[in-house]
């Protein structure tokens, strides 16, 4: 009979990514995740609406806010830095893609 065994994080993660696997989300990471969600939501909103501008502004402000939170609470991490880079790509790429599709690319 096979026993149900949980794999520990150490067995799943290799040595290089150990810090990423052990990382718990902190407030700065949650703000960064909001930037990713906000960028994705921008795809569903008409780019000429006030809601688009408001969400774009708030989502952009989170880029500054998460960095300040991480520095003030001393919670900077490699995971947070990688997540921030991913959020930047989404925030810069998705709205521009939406605008290109909305207005047409000639």
PDB file of N, CA and C in Angstrom:
ATOM      1  N   UNK A   1       0.828  -1.172   0.000  1.00  0.00           N
ATOM      2  CA  UNK A   1       0.000   0.000   0.000  1.00  0.00           C
ATOM      3  C   UNK A   1       0.885   1.253   0.000  1.00  0.00           C
ATOM      4  N   UNK A   2       0.552   2.210  -0.842  1.00  0.00           N
ATOM      5  CA  UNK A   2       1.342   3.430  -0.909  1.00  0.00           C
ATOM      6  C   UNK A   2       0.881   4.411   0.148  1.00  0.00           C
ATOM      7  N   UNK A   3       1.825   5.005   0.810  1.00  0.00           N
ATOM      8  CA  UNK A   3       1.502   6.029   1.800  1.00  0.00           C
ATOM      9  C   UNK A   3       1.489   7.385   1.116  1.00  0.00           C
ATOM     10  N   UNK A   4       0.557   8.212   1.546  1.00  0.00           N
ATOM     11  CA  UNK A   4       0.540   9.581   1.032  1.00  0.00           C
ATOM     12  C   UNK A   4       1.648  10.359   1.716  1.00  0.00           C
ATOM     13  N   UNK A   5       2.549  10.836   0.905  1.00  0.00           N
ATOM     14  CA  UNK A   5       3.649  11.617   1.457  1.00  0.00           C
ATOM     15  C   UNK A   5       3.675  12.974   0.781  1.00  0.00           C
ATOM     16  N   UNK A   6       3.865  13.982   1.599  1.00  0.00           N
ATOM     17  CA  UNK A   6       4.018  15.328   1.050  1.00  0.00           C
ATOM     18  C   UNK A   6       5.482  15.533   0.692  1.00  0.00           C
ATOM     19  N   UNK A   7       5.690  16.096  -0.460  1.00  0.00           N
ATOM     20  CA  UNK A   7       7.055  16.438  -0.833  1.00  0.00           C
ATOM     21  C   UNK A   7       7.417  17.747  -0.146  1.00  0.00           C
ATOM     22  N   UNK A   8       8.543  17.766   0.473  1.00  0.00           N
ATOM     23  CA  UNK A   8       8.952  19.003   1.127  1.00  0.00           C
ATOM     24  C   UNK A   8       9.430  19.986   0.070  1.00  0.00           C
ATOM     25  N   UNK A   9       9.408  21.246   0.440  1.00  0.00           N
ATOM     26  CA  UNK A   9       9.869  22.283  -0.484  1.00  0.00           C
ATOM     27  C   UNK A   9      11.315  22.057  -0.874  1.00  0.00           C
ATOM     28  N   UNK A  10      12.107  21.556   0.075  1.00  0.00           N
ATOM     29  CA  UNK A  10      13.521  21.338  -0.216  1.00  0.00           C
ATOM     30  C   UNK A  10      13.721  20.286  -1.299  1.00  0.00           C
ATOM     31  N   UNK A  11      12.861  19.291  -1.360  1.00  0.00           N
ATOM     32  CA  UNK A  11      12.994  18.251  -2.370  1.00  0.00           C
ATOM     33  C   UNK A  11      12.527  18.732  -3.736  1.00  0.00           C
ATOM     34  N   UNK A  12      11.570  19.642  -3.751  1.00  0.00           N
ATOM     35  CA  UNK A  12      11.041  20.146  -5.011  1.00  0.00           C
ATOM     36  C   UNK A  12      11.969  21.195  -5.613  1.00  0.00           C
ATOM     37  N   UNK A  13      12.493  22.061  -4.786  1.00  0.00           N
ATOM     38  CA  UNK A  13      13.306  23.186  -5.258  1.00  0.00           C
ATOM     39  C   UNK A  13      14.766  22.768  -5.404  1.00  0.00           C
ATOM     40  N   UNK A  14      15.383  23.301  -6.410  1.00  0.00           N
ATOM     41  CA  UNK A  14      16.819  23.070  -6.519  1.00  0.00           C
ATOM     42  C   UNK A  14      17.546  24.120  -5.682  1.00  0.00           C
ATOM     43  N   UNK A  15      18.813  23.984  -5.551  1.00  0.00           N
ATOM     44  CA  UNK A  15      19.584  24.860  -4.671  1.00  0.00           C
ATOM     45  C   UNK A  15      19.495  26.332  -5.073  1.00  0.00           C
ATOM     46  N   UNK A  16      19.500  26.612  -6.363  1.00  0.00           N
ATOM     47  CA  UNK A  16      19.510  27.993  -6.840  1.00  0.00           C
ATOM     48  C   UNK A  16      18.225  28.722  -6.497  1.00  0.00           C
ATOM     49  N   UNK A  17      17.096  28.037  -6.516  1.00  0.00           N
ATOM     50  CA  UNK A  17      15.798  28.670  -6.304  1.00  0.00           C
ATOM     51  C   UNK A  17      15.236  28.445  -4.909  1.00  0.00           C
ATOM     52  N   UNK A  18      16.054  28.036  -3.970  1.00  0.00           N
ATOM     53  CA  UNK A  18      15.565  27.745  -2.622  1.00  0.00           C
ATOM     54  C   UNK A  18      14.919  28.956  -1.971  1.00  0.00           C
ATOM     55  N   UNK A  19      15.523  30.126  -2.137  1.00  0.00           N
ATOM     56  CA  UNK A  19      14.961  31.326  -1.508  1.00  0.00           C
ATOM     57  C   UNK A  19      13.592  31.647  -2.083  1.00  0.00           C
ATOM     58  N   UNK A  20      13.421  31.430  -3.382  1.00  0.00           N
ATOM     59  CA  UNK A  20      12.129  31.706  -4.007  1.00  0.00           C
ATOM     60  C   UNK A  20      11.050  30.761  -3.496  1.00  0.00           C
ATOM     61  N   UNK A  21      11.395  29.520  -3.259  1.00  0.00           N
ATOM     62  CA  UNK A  21      10.409  28.546  -2.788  1.00  0.00           C
ATOM     63  C   UNK A  21      10.009  28.786  -1.343  1.00  0.00           C
ATOM     64  N   UNK A  22      10.882  29.301  -0.543  1.00  0.00           N
ATOM     65  CA  UNK A  22      10.591  29.531   0.866  1.00  0.00           C
ATOM     66  C   UNK A  22       9.939  30.880   1.116  1.00  0.00           C
ATOM     67  N   UNK A  23       9.817  31.682   0.100  1.00  0.00           N
ATOM     68  CA  UNK A  23       9.333  33.044   0.263  1.00  0.00           C
ATOM     69  C   UNK A  23       7.836  33.079   0.570  1.00  0.00           C
ATOM     70  N   UNK A  24       7.470  33.855   1.575  1.00  0.00           N
ATOM     71  CA  UNK A  24       6.072  34.131   1.867  1.00  0.00           C
ATOM     72  C   UNK A  24       5.747  35.514   1.333  1.00  0.00           C
ATOM     73  N   UNK A  25       4.538  35.695   0.849  1.00  0.00           N
ATOM     74  CA  UNK A  25       4.157  36.996   0.312  1.00  0.00           C
ATOM     75  C   UNK A  25       4.118  38.038   1.419  1.00  0.00           C
ATOM     76  N   UNK A  26       4.656  39.206   1.120  1.00  0.00           N
ATOM     77  CA  UNK A  26       4.560  40.320   2.047  1.00  0.00           C
ATOM     78  C   UNK A  26       3.730  41.414   1.385  1.00  0.00           C
ATOM     79  N   UNK A  27       3.554  42.529   2.065  1.00  0.00           N
ATOM     80  CA  UNK A  27       2.694  43.597   1.557  1.00  0.00           C
ATOM     81  C   UNK A  27       3.186  44.142   0.214  1.00  0.00           C
ATOM     82  N   UNK A  28       4.479  44.300   0.069  1.00  0.00           N
ATOM     83  CA  UNK A  28       5.034  44.810  -1.193  1.00  0.00           C
ATOM     84  C   UNK A  28       4.727  43.859  -2.351  1.00  0.00           C
ATOM     85  N   UNK A  29       4.810  42.563  -2.110  1.00  0.00           N
ATOM     86  CA  UNK A  29       4.507  41.581  -3.149  1.00  0.00           C
ATOM     87  C   UNK A  29       3.024  41.603  -3.520  1.00  0.00           C
ATOM     88  N   UNK A  30       2.166  41.819  -2.541  1.00  0.00           N
ATOM     89  CA  UNK A  30       0.731  41.890  -2.804  1.00  0.00           C
ATOM     90  C   UNK A  30       0.413  43.118  -3.655  1.00  0.00           C
ATOM     91  N   UNK A  31       1.074  44.240  -3.374  1.00  0.00           N
ATOM     92  CA  UNK A  31       0.882  45.444  -4.194  1.00  0.00           C
ATOM     93  C   UNK A  31       1.361  45.187  -5.617  1.00  0.00           C
ATOM     94  N   UNK A  32       2.461  44.464  -5.761  1.00  0.00           N
ATOM     95  CA  UNK A  32       2.978  44.117  -7.084  1.00  0.00           C
ATOM     96  C   UNK A  32       1.997  43.212  -7.825  1.00  0.00           C
ATOM     97  N   UNK A  33       1.407  42.261  -7.120  1.00  0.00           N
ATOM     98  CA  UNK A  33       0.395  41.397  -7.741  1.00  0.00           C
ATOM     99  C   UNK A  33      -0.811  42.216  -8.195  1.00  0.00           C
ATOM    100  N   UNK A  34      -1.166  43.254  -7.438  1.00  0.00           N
ATOM    101  CA  UNK A  34      -2.249  44.135  -7.857  1.00  0.00           C
ATOM    102  C   UNK A  34      -1.913  44.806  -9.189  1.00  0.00           C
ATOM    103  N   UNK A  35      -0.635  45.159  -9.389  1.00  0.00           N
ATOM    104  CA  UNK A  35      -0.226  45.772 -10.657  1.00  0.00           C
ATOM    105  C   UNK A  35      -0.414  44.799 -11.815  1.00  0.00           C
ATOM    106  N   UNK A  36      -0.130  43.533 -11.600  1.00  0.00           N
ATOM    107  CA  UNK A  36      -0.326  42.530 -12.646  1.00  0.00           C
ATOM    108  C   UNK A  36      -1.816  42.384 -12.958  1.00  0.00           C
ATOM    109  N   UNK A  37      -2.632  42.282 -11.921  1.00  0.00           N
ATOM    110  CA  UNK A  37      -4.081  42.153 -12.114  1.00  0.00           C
ATOM    111  C   UNK A  37      -4.639  43.400 -12.791  1.00  0.00           C
ATOM    112  N   UNK A  38      -4.187  44.579 -12.370  1.00  0.00           N
ATOM    113  CA  UNK A  38      -4.641  45.820 -12.990  1.00  0.00           C
ATOM    114  C   UNK A  38      -4.294  45.900 -14.463  1.00  0.00           C
ATOM    115  N   UNK A  39      -3.100  45.454 -14.808  1.00  0.00           N
ATOM    116  CA  UNK A  39      -2.682  45.459 -16.216  1.00  0.00           C
ATOM    117  C   UNK A  39      -3.553  44.531 -17.047  1.00  0.00           C
ATOM    118  N   UNK A  40      -3.888  43.392 -16.500  1.00  0.00           N
ATOM    119  CA  UNK A  40      -4.744  42.444 -17.223  1.00  0.00           C
ATOM    120  C   UNK A  40      -6.163  43.006 -17.358  1.00  0.00           C
ATOM    121  N   UNK A  41      -6.659  43.657 -16.317  1.00  0.00           N
ATOM    122  CA  UNK A  41      -7.997  44.256 -16.376  1.00  0.00           C
ATOM    123  C   UNK A  41      -8.081  45.365 -17.417  1.00  0.00           C
ATOM    124  N   UNK A  42      -6.976  46.043 -17.663  1.00  0.00           N
ATOM    125  CA  UNK A  42      -6.975  47.118 -18.653  1.00  0.00           C
ATOM    126  C   UNK A  42      -7.331  46.617 -20.052  1.00  0.00           C
ATOM    127  N   UNK A  43      -7.090  45.344 -20.313  1.00  0.00           N
ATOM    128  CA  UNK A  43      -7.421  44.784 -21.621  1.00  0.00           C
ATOM    129  C   UNK A  43      -8.926  44.806 -21.865  1.00  0.00           C
ATOM    130  N   UNK A  44      -9.706  44.641 -20.803  1.00  0.00           N
ATOM    131  CA  UNK A  44     -11.160  44.536 -20.949  1.00  0.00           C
ATOM    132  C   UNK A  44     -11.865  45.888 -20.973  1.00  0.00           C
ATOM    133  N   UNK A  45     -11.150  46.974 -20.752  1.00  0.00           N
ATOM    134  CA  UNK A  45     -11.769  48.294 -20.657  1.00  0.00           C
ATOM    135  C   UNK A  45     -11.480  49.098 -21.919  1.00  0.00           C
ATOM    136  N   UNK A  46     -12.477  49.829 -22.372  1.00  0.00           N
ATOM    137  CA  UNK A  46     -12.315  50.686 -23.545  1.00  0.00           C
ATOM    138  C   UNK A  46     -11.265  51.759 -23.240  1.00  0.00           C
ATOM    139  N   UNK A  47     -10.233  51.892 -24.085  1.00  0.00           N
ATOM    140  CA  UNK A  47      -9.123  52.794 -23.760  1.00  0.00           C
ATOM    141  C   UNK A  47      -9.468  54.279 -23.777  1.00  0.00           C
ATOM    142  N   UNK A  48     -10.607  54.652 -24.285  1.00  0.00           N
ATOM    143  CA  UNK A  48     -10.975  56.064 -24.277  1.00  0.00           C
ATOM    144  C   UNK A  48     -11.841  56.425 -23.077  1.00  0.00           C
ATOM    145  N   UNK A  49     -12.077  55.468 -22.184  1.00  0.00           N
ATOM    146  CA  UNK A  49     -12.942  55.738 -21.033  1.00  0.00           C
ATOM    147  C   UNK A  49     -12.137  56.302 -19.858  1.00  0.00           C
ATOM    148  N   UNK A  50     -12.844  56.971 -18.984  1.00  0.00           N
ATOM    149  CA  UNK A  50     -12.223  57.497 -17.781  1.00  0.00           C
ATOM    150  C   UNK A  50     -11.768  56.386 -16.851  1.00  0.00           C
ATOM    151  N   UNK A  51     -12.482  55.264 -16.859  1.00  0.00           N
ATOM    152  CA  UNK A  51     -12.104  54.125 -16.028  1.00  0.00           C
ATOM    153  C   UNK A  51     -10.738  53.584 -16.427  1.00  0.00           C
ATOM    154  N   UNK A  52     -10.465  53.541 -17.727  1.00  0.00           N
ATOM    155  CA  UNK A  52      -9.165  53.082 -18.214  1.00  0.00           C
ATOM    156  C   UNK A  52      -8.058  53.982 -17.674  1.00  0.00           C
ATOM    157  N   UNK A  53      -8.262  55.302 -17.780  1.00  0.00           N
ATOM    158  CA  UNK A  53      -7.259  56.251 -17.301  1.00  0.00           C
ATOM    159  C   UNK A  53      -7.061  56.129 -15.799  1.00  0.00           C
ATOM    160  N   UNK A  54      -8.147  55.987 -15.051  1.00  0.00           N
ATOM    161  CA  UNK A  54      -8.056  55.866 -13.598  1.00  0.00           C
ATOM    162  C   UNK A  54      -7.308  54.593 -13.200  1.00  0.00           C
ATOM    163  N   UNK A  55      -7.688  53.464 -13.796  1.00  0.00           N
ATOM    164  CA  UNK A  55      -7.028  52.197 -13.464  1.00  0.00           C
ATOM    165  C   UNK A  55      -5.565  52.216 -13.896  1.00  0.00           C
ATOM    166  N   UNK A  56      -5.275  52.808 -15.039  1.00  0.00           N
ATOM    167  CA  UNK A  56      -3.892  52.898 -15.513  1.00  0.00           C
ATOM    168  C   UNK A  56      -3.052  53.729 -14.537  1.00  0.00           C
ATOM    169  N   UNK A  57      -3.611  54.828 -14.051  1.00  0.00           N
ATOM    170  CA  UNK A  57      -2.896  55.697 -13.113  1.00  0.00           C
ATOM    171  C   UNK A  57      -2.654  54.988 -11.778  1.00  0.00           C
ATOM    172  N   UNK A  58      -3.688  54.342 -11.259  1.00  0.00           N
ATOM    173  CA  UNK A  58      -3.541  53.635  -9.982  1.00  0.00           C
ATOM    174  C   UNK A  58      -2.554  52.479 -10.116  1.00  0.00           C
ATOM    175  N   UNK A  59      -2.670  51.748 -11.199  1.00  0.00           N
ATOM    176  CA  UNK A  59      -1.770  50.615 -11.428  1.00  0.00           C
ATOM    177  C   UNK A  59      -0.329  51.094 -11.578  1.00  0.00           C
ATOM    178  N   UNK A  60      -0.136  52.207 -12.249  1.00  0.00           N
ATOM    179  CA  UNK A  60       1.213  52.765 -12.390  1.00  0.00           C
ATOM    180  C   UNK A  60       1.791  53.238 -11.071  1.00  0.00           C
ATOM    181  N   UNK A  61       0.936  53.791 -10.215  1.00  0.00           N
ATOM    182  CA  UNK A  61       1.397  54.266  -8.909  1.00  0.00           C
ATOM    183  C   UNK A  61       1.875  53.114  -8.028  1.00  0.00           C
ATOM    184  N   UNK A  62       1.335  51.932  -8.243  1.00  0.00           N
ATOM    185  CA  UNK A  62       1.759  50.794  -7.424  1.00  0.00           C
ATOM    186  C   UNK A  62       3.223  50.432  -7.674  1.00  0.00           C
ATOM    187  N   UNK A  63       3.765  50.827  -8.805  1.00  0.00           N
ATOM    188  CA  UNK A  63       5.171  50.558  -9.090  1.00  0.00           C
ATOM    189  C   UNK A  63       6.058  51.299  -8.093  1.00  0.00           C
ATOM    190  N   UNK A  64       5.685  52.513  -7.766  1.00  0.00           N
ATOM    191  CA  UNK A  64       6.444  53.299  -6.795  1.00  0.00           C
ATOM    192  C   UNK A  64       6.144  52.824  -5.374  1.00  0.00           C
ATOM    193  N   UNK A  65       4.877  52.559  -5.106  1.00  0.00           N
ATOM    194  CA  UNK A  65       4.441  52.211  -3.757  1.00  0.00           C
ATOM    195  C   UNK A  65       5.068  50.907  -3.278  1.00  0.00           C
ATOM    196  N   UNK A  66       5.108  49.880  -4.144  1.00  0.00           N
ATOM    197  CA  UNK A  66       5.655  48.602  -3.680  1.00  0.00           C
ATOM    198  C   UNK A  66       7.132  48.697  -3.337  1.00  0.00           C
ATOM    199  N   UNK A  67       7.875  49.490  -4.090  1.00  0.00           N
ATOM    200  CA  UNK A  67       9.294  49.678  -3.783  1.00  0.00           C
ATOM    201  C   UNK A  67       9.508  50.403  -2.467  1.00  0.00           C
ATOM    202  N   UNK A  68       8.690  51.420  -2.215  1.00  0.00           N
ATOM    203  CA  UNK A  68       8.806  52.149  -0.954  1.00  0.00           C
ATOM    204  C   UNK A  68       8.451  51.256   0.232  1.00  0.00           C
ATOM    205  N   UNK A  69       7.395  50.460   0.076  1.00  0.00           N
ATOM    206  CA  UNK A  69       6.997  49.548   1.158  1.00  0.00           C
ATOM    207  C   UNK A  69       8.109  48.548   1.441  1.00  0.00           C
ATOM    208  N   UNK A  70       8.680  47.978   0.396  1.00  0.00           N
ATOM    209  CA  UNK A  70       9.741  46.973   0.581  1.00  0.00           C
ATOM    210  C   UNK A  70      10.951  47.579   1.285  1.00  0.00           C
ATOM    211  N   UNK A  71      11.322  48.793   0.935  1.00  0.00           N
ATOM    212  CA  UNK A  71      12.481  49.423   1.579  1.00  0.00           C
ATOM    213  C   UNK A  71      12.187  49.809   3.027  1.00  0.00           C
ATOM    214  N   UNK A  72      11.014  50.380   3.267  1.00  0.00           N
ATOM    215  CA  UNK A  72      10.692  50.829   4.632  1.00  0.00           C
ATOM    216  C   UNK A  72      10.473  49.678   5.598  1.00  0.00           C
ATOM    217  N   UNK A  73       9.933  48.567   5.111  1.00  0.00           N
ATOM    218  CA  UNK A  73       9.697  47.420   5.985  1.00  0.00           C
ATOM    219  C   UNK A  73      10.831  46.403   5.923  1.00  0.00           C
ATOM    220  N   UNK A  74      11.864  46.719   5.152  1.00  0.00           N
ATOM    221  CA  UNK A  74      13.033  45.844   5.005  1.00  0.00           C
ATOM    222  C   UNK A  74      12.616  44.432   4.553  1.00  0.00           C
ATOM    223  N   UNK A  75      11.737  44.391   3.562  1.00  0.00           N
ATOM    224  CA  UNK A  75      11.262  43.106   3.042  1.00  0.00           C
ATOM    225  C   UNK A  75      11.655  42.897   1.584  1.00  0.00           C
ATOM    226  N   UNK A  76      12.718  43.540   1.153  1.00  0.00           N
ATOM    227  CA  UNK A  76      13.208  43.336  -0.211  1.00  0.00           C
ATOM    228  C   UNK A  76      13.698  41.905  -0.357  1.00  0.00           C
ATOM    229  N   UNK A  77      13.401  41.306  -1.501  1.00  0.00           N
ATOM    230  CA  UNK A  77      13.817  39.925  -1.720  1.00  0.00           C
ATOM    231  C   UNK A  77      14.039  39.688  -3.210  1.00  0.00           C
ATOM    232  N   UNK A  78      14.701  38.592  -3.511  1.00  0.00           N
ATOM    233  CA  UNK A  78      14.913  38.218  -4.910  1.00  0.00           C
ATOM    234  C   UNK A  78      13.570  37.895  -5.566  1.00  0.00           C
ATOM    235  N   UNK A  79      12.689  37.235  -4.823  1.00  0.00           N
ATOM    236  CA  UNK A  79      11.362  36.918  -5.337  1.00  0.00           C
ATOM    237  C   UNK A  79      10.599  38.202  -5.687  1.00  0.00           C
ATOM    238  N   UNK A  80      10.622  39.179  -4.785  1.00  0.00           N
ATOM    239  CA  UNK A  80       9.941  40.440  -5.031  1.00  0.00           C
ATOM    240  C   UNK A  80      10.512  41.173  -6.235  1.00  0.00           C
ATOM    241  N   UNK A  81      11.818  41.116  -6.396  1.00  0.00           N
ATOM    242  CA  UNK A  81      12.459  41.766  -7.541  1.00  0.00           C
ATOM    243  C   UNK A  81      12.034  41.104  -8.850  1.00  0.00           C
ATOM    244  N   UNK A  82      11.973  39.779  -8.854  1.00  0.00           N
ATOM    245  CA  UNK A  82      11.532  39.066 -10.068  1.00  0.00           C
ATOM    246  C   UNK A  82      10.060  39.342 -10.363  1.00  0.00           C
ATOM    247  N   UNK A  83       9.239  39.332  -9.315  1.00  0.00           N
ATOM    248  CA  UNK A  83       7.814  39.607  -9.482  1.00  0.00           C
ATOM    249  C   UNK A  83       7.597  41.025  -9.996  1.00  0.00           C
ATOM    250  N   UNK A  84       8.392  41.963  -9.504  1.00  0.00           N
ATOM    251  CA  UNK A  84       8.293  43.352  -9.953  1.00  0.00           C
ATOM    252  C   UNK A  84       8.649  43.473 -11.434  1.00  0.00           C
ATOM    253  N   UNK A  85       9.646  42.736 -11.877  1.00  0.00           N
ATOM    254  CA  UNK A  85      10.024  42.762 -13.291  1.00  0.00           C
ATOM    255  C   UNK A  85       8.909  42.205 -14.172  1.00  0.00           C
ATOM    256  N   UNK A  86       8.286  41.129 -13.719  1.00  0.00           N
ATOM    257  CA  UNK A  86       7.165  40.552 -14.466  1.00  0.00           C
ATOM    258  C   UNK A  86       6.003  41.538 -14.525  1.00  0.00           C
ATOM    259  N   UNK A  87       5.732  42.189 -13.394  1.00  0.00           N
ATOM    260  CA  UNK A  87       4.646  43.171 -13.346  1.00  0.00           C
ATOM    261  C   UNK A  87       4.929  44.343 -14.281  1.00  0.00           C
ATOM    262  N   UNK A  88       6.178  44.767 -14.363  1.00  0.00           N
ATOM    263  CA  UNK A  88       6.537  45.863 -15.266  1.00  0.00           C
ATOM    264  C   UNK A  88       6.270  45.490 -16.724  1.00  0.00           C
ATOM    265  N   UNK A  89       6.620  44.278 -17.095  1.00  0.00           N
ATOM    266  CA  UNK A  89       6.390  43.826 -18.471  1.00  0.00           C
ATOM    267  C   UNK A  89       4.896  43.823 -18.781  1.00  0.00           C
ATOM    268  N   UNK A  90       4.097  43.291 -17.864  1.00  0.00           N
ATOM    269  CA  UNK A  90       2.645  43.279 -18.068  1.00  0.00           C
ATOM    270  C   UNK A  90       2.091  44.693 -18.138  1.00  0.00           C
ATOM    271  N   UNK A  91       2.522  45.543 -17.207  1.00  0.00           N
ATOM    272  CA  UNK A  91       1.977  46.893 -17.146  1.00  0.00           C
ATOM    273  C   UNK A  91       2.381  47.729 -18.355  1.00  0.00           C
ATOM    274  N   UNK A  92       3.565  47.550 -18.849  1.00  0.00           N
ATOM    275  CA  UNK A  92       3.998  48.324 -20.016  1.00  0.00           C
ATOM    276  C   UNK A  92       3.528  47.712 -21.329  1.00  0.00           C
ATOM    277  N   UNK A  93       3.444  46.386 -21.381  1.00  0.00           N
ATOM    278  CA  UNK A  93       3.108  45.725 -22.635  1.00  0.00           C
ATOM    279  C   UNK A  93       1.627  45.623 -22.936  1.00  0.00           C
ATOM    280  N   UNK A  94       0.837  45.204 -21.968  1.00  0.00           N
ATOM    281  CA  UNK A  94      -0.575  44.946 -22.239  1.00  0.00           C
ATOM    282  C   UNK A  94      -1.376  46.191 -22.615  1.00  0.00           C
ATOM    283  N   UNK A  95      -1.245  47.310 -21.910  1.00  0.00           N
ATOM    284  CA  UNK A  95      -1.995  48.503 -22.345  1.00  0.00           C
ATOM    285  C   UNK A  95      -1.575  48.991 -23.732  1.00  0.00           C
ATOM    286  N   UNK A  96      -0.289  48.878 -24.046  1.00  0.00           N
ATOM    287  CA  UNK A  96       0.156  49.299 -25.378  1.00  0.00           C
ATOM    288  C   UNK A  96      -0.403  48.380 -26.456  1.00  0.00           C
ATOM    289  N   UNK A  97      -0.445  47.101 -26.168  1.00  0.00           N
ATOM    290  CA  UNK A  97      -1.045  46.153 -27.104  1.00  0.00           C
ATOM    291  C   UNK A  97      -2.529  46.477 -27.303  1.00  0.00           C
ATOM    292  N   UNK A  98      -3.207  46.786 -26.214  1.00  0.00           N
ATOM    293  CA  UNK A  98      -4.629  47.142 -26.284  1.00  0.00           C
ATOM    294  C   UNK A  98      -4.828  48.386 -27.154  1.00  0.00           C
ATOM    295  N   UNK A  99      -4.009  49.397 -26.960  1.00  0.00           N
ATOM    296  CA  UNK A  99      -4.133  50.621 -27.758  1.00  0.00           C
ATOM    297  C   UNK A  99      -3.858  50.361 -29.232  1.00  0.00           C
ATOM    298  N   UNK A 100      -2.862  49.518 -29.520  1.00  0.00           N
ATOM    299  CA  UNK A 100      -2.566  49.188 -30.915  1.00  0.00           C
ATOM    300  C   UNK A 100      -3.734  48.457 -31.569  1.00  0.00           C
ATOM    301  N   UNK A 101      -4.335  47.525 -30.831  1.00  0.00           N
ATOM    302  CA  UNK A 101      -5.479  46.782 -31.378  1.00  0.00           C
ATOM    303  C   UNK A 101      -6.713  47.665 -31.505  1.00  0.00           C
ATOM    304  N   UNK A 102      -6.895  48.577 -30.569  1.00  0.00           N
ATOM    305  CA  UNK A 102      -8.073  49.447 -30.576  1.00  0.00           C
ATOM    306  C   UNK A 102      -8.031  50.449 -31.734  1.00  0.00           C
ATOM    307  N   UNK A 103      -6.878  51.088 -31.895  1.00  0.00           N
ATOM    308  CA  UNK A 103      -6.759  52.115 -32.923  1.00  0.00           C
ATOM    309  C   UNK A 103      -6.245  51.569 -34.251  1.00  0.00           C
ATOM    310  N   UNK A 104      -5.800  50.353 -34.261  1.00  0.00           N
ATOM    311  CA  UNK A 104      -5.288  49.748 -35.494  1.00  0.00           C
ATOM    312  C   UNK A 104      -3.852  50.112 -35.733  1.00  0.00           C
ATOM    313  N   UNK A 105      -3.111  49.162 -36.196  1.00  0.00           N
ATOM    314  CA  UNK A 105      -1.693  49.383 -36.488  1.00  0.00           C
ATOM    315  C   UNK A 105      -1.570  49.467 -38.006  1.00  0.00           C
ATOM    316  N   UNK A 106      -1.038  50.558 -38.483  1.00  0.00           N
ATOM    317  CA  UNK A 106      -0.866  50.766 -39.924  1.00  0.00           C
ATOM    318  C   UNK A 106       0.562  50.513 -40.350  1.00  0.00           C
TER     319      UNK A 106
END
